[in-house]
Amino acid sequence: MPYKIIASQCTGCSACEAECPNQAIREKGGIFVINPEKCTECIGYFDDPQCVLACPVDNTCVIDTSRPRYVA
């Protein structure tokens, strides 16, 4: 399942954008969003999702359970 950013919690700091190995994160209207078509959960790059590690606000980058899991 790809990750998503909880818009109401996003501070717009951009810490996550540079950490994404898939360039799946972009700014939109002052907050950041994750393109679910590009998000691979960092599989094949890192052991942990980099957006989660980079975000200064806990539980802002979360799994989007409405979408299927990425298959390598």
Protein backbone atom coordinates (compact mmCIF):
# COMPACT_ATOMS: atom_id res chain seq x y z
CA MET A 1 0.00 0.00 0.00
CA PRO A 2 1.41 3.39 -0.83
CA TYR A 3 1.84 6.05 1.78
CA LYS A 4 -0.19 9.23 2.00
CA ILE A 5 0.28 12.50 3.84
CA ILE A 6 -2.45 13.64 6.23
CA ALA A 7 -3.02 17.14 4.85
CA SER A 8 -4.31 18.61 8.09
CA GLN A 9 -1.07 17.63 9.83
CA CYS A 10 1.39 18.63 7.09
CA THR A 11 3.39 21.73 8.05
CA GLY A 12 4.75 22.21 4.52
CA CYS A 13 8.35 21.85 5.73
CA SER A 14 9.39 19.82 2.63
CA ALA A 15 11.59 17.41 4.63
CA CYS A 16 9.95 14.42 2.97
CA GLU A 17 10.23 15.56 -0.64
CA ALA A 18 14.00 15.27 -0.99
CA GLU A 19 14.08 11.91 0.81
CA CYS A 20 11.73 10.08 -1.57
CA PRO A 21 13.76 7.84 -3.91
CA ASN A 22 10.86 7.70 -6.38
CA GLN A 23 10.14 11.42 -6.60
CA ALA A 24 6.58 10.59 -5.55
CA ILE A 25 6.20 13.60 -3.25
CA ARG A 26 5.37 17.10 -4.42
CA GLU A 27 4.02 20.34 -3.04
CA LYS A 28 0.41 21.23 -3.76
CA GLY A 29 -1.22 24.30 -2.26
CA GLY A 30 1.30 24.68 0.55
CA ILE A 31 1.20 21.05 1.66
CA PHE A 32 2.88 17.95 0.33
CA VAL A 33 1.17 15.01 -1.32
CA ILE A 34 2.33 11.54 -2.34
CA ASN A 35 1.53 10.23 -5.81
CA PRO A 36 0.29 6.68 -5.08
CA GLU A 37 1.29 5.54 -8.57
CA LYS A 38 4.94 6.33 -7.81
CA CYS A 39 5.13 5.30 -4.14
CA THR A 40 6.85 1.94 -3.62
CA GLU A 41 7.02 2.17 0.19
CA CYS A 42 10.79 2.56 -0.43
CA ILE A 43 10.98 -1.17 -1.20
CA GLY A 44 14.24 -1.87 -2.97
CA TYR A 45 15.81 1.34 -1.66
CA PHE A 46 15.52 1.41 2.13
CA ASP A 47 14.28 -0.78 4.96
CA ASP A 48 11.92 1.95 6.20
CA PRO A 49 9.81 4.53 4.33
CA GLN A 50 11.91 7.68 4.15
CA CYS A 51 8.94 10.06 4.28
CA VAL A 52 7.97 8.61 7.68
CA LEU A 53 11.51 9.00 9.00
CA ALA A 54 11.94 12.54 7.64
CA CYS A 55 8.60 13.98 8.75
CA PRO A 56 8.87 15.98 11.99
CA VAL A 57 5.17 15.42 12.79
CA ASP A 58 4.33 11.93 14.04
CA ASN A 59 1.70 9.95 12.10
CA THR A 60 1.55 12.39 9.19
CA CYS A 61 2.92 9.98 6.57
CA VAL A 62 0.74 6.90 6.88
CA ILE A 63 -0.19 3.85 4.83
CA ASP A 64 -3.07 4.45 2.44
CA THR A 65 -5.17 1.36 3.05
CA SER A 66 -7.56 2.29 0.25
CA ARG A 67 -4.94 1.33 -2.35
CA PRO A 68 -3.31 -2.03 -3.14
CA ARG A 69 0.18 -2.83 -1.91
CA TYR A 70 3.14 -2.17 -4.19
CA VAL A 71 4.43 -5.33 -5.84
CA ALA A 72 8.11 -5.34 -6.77
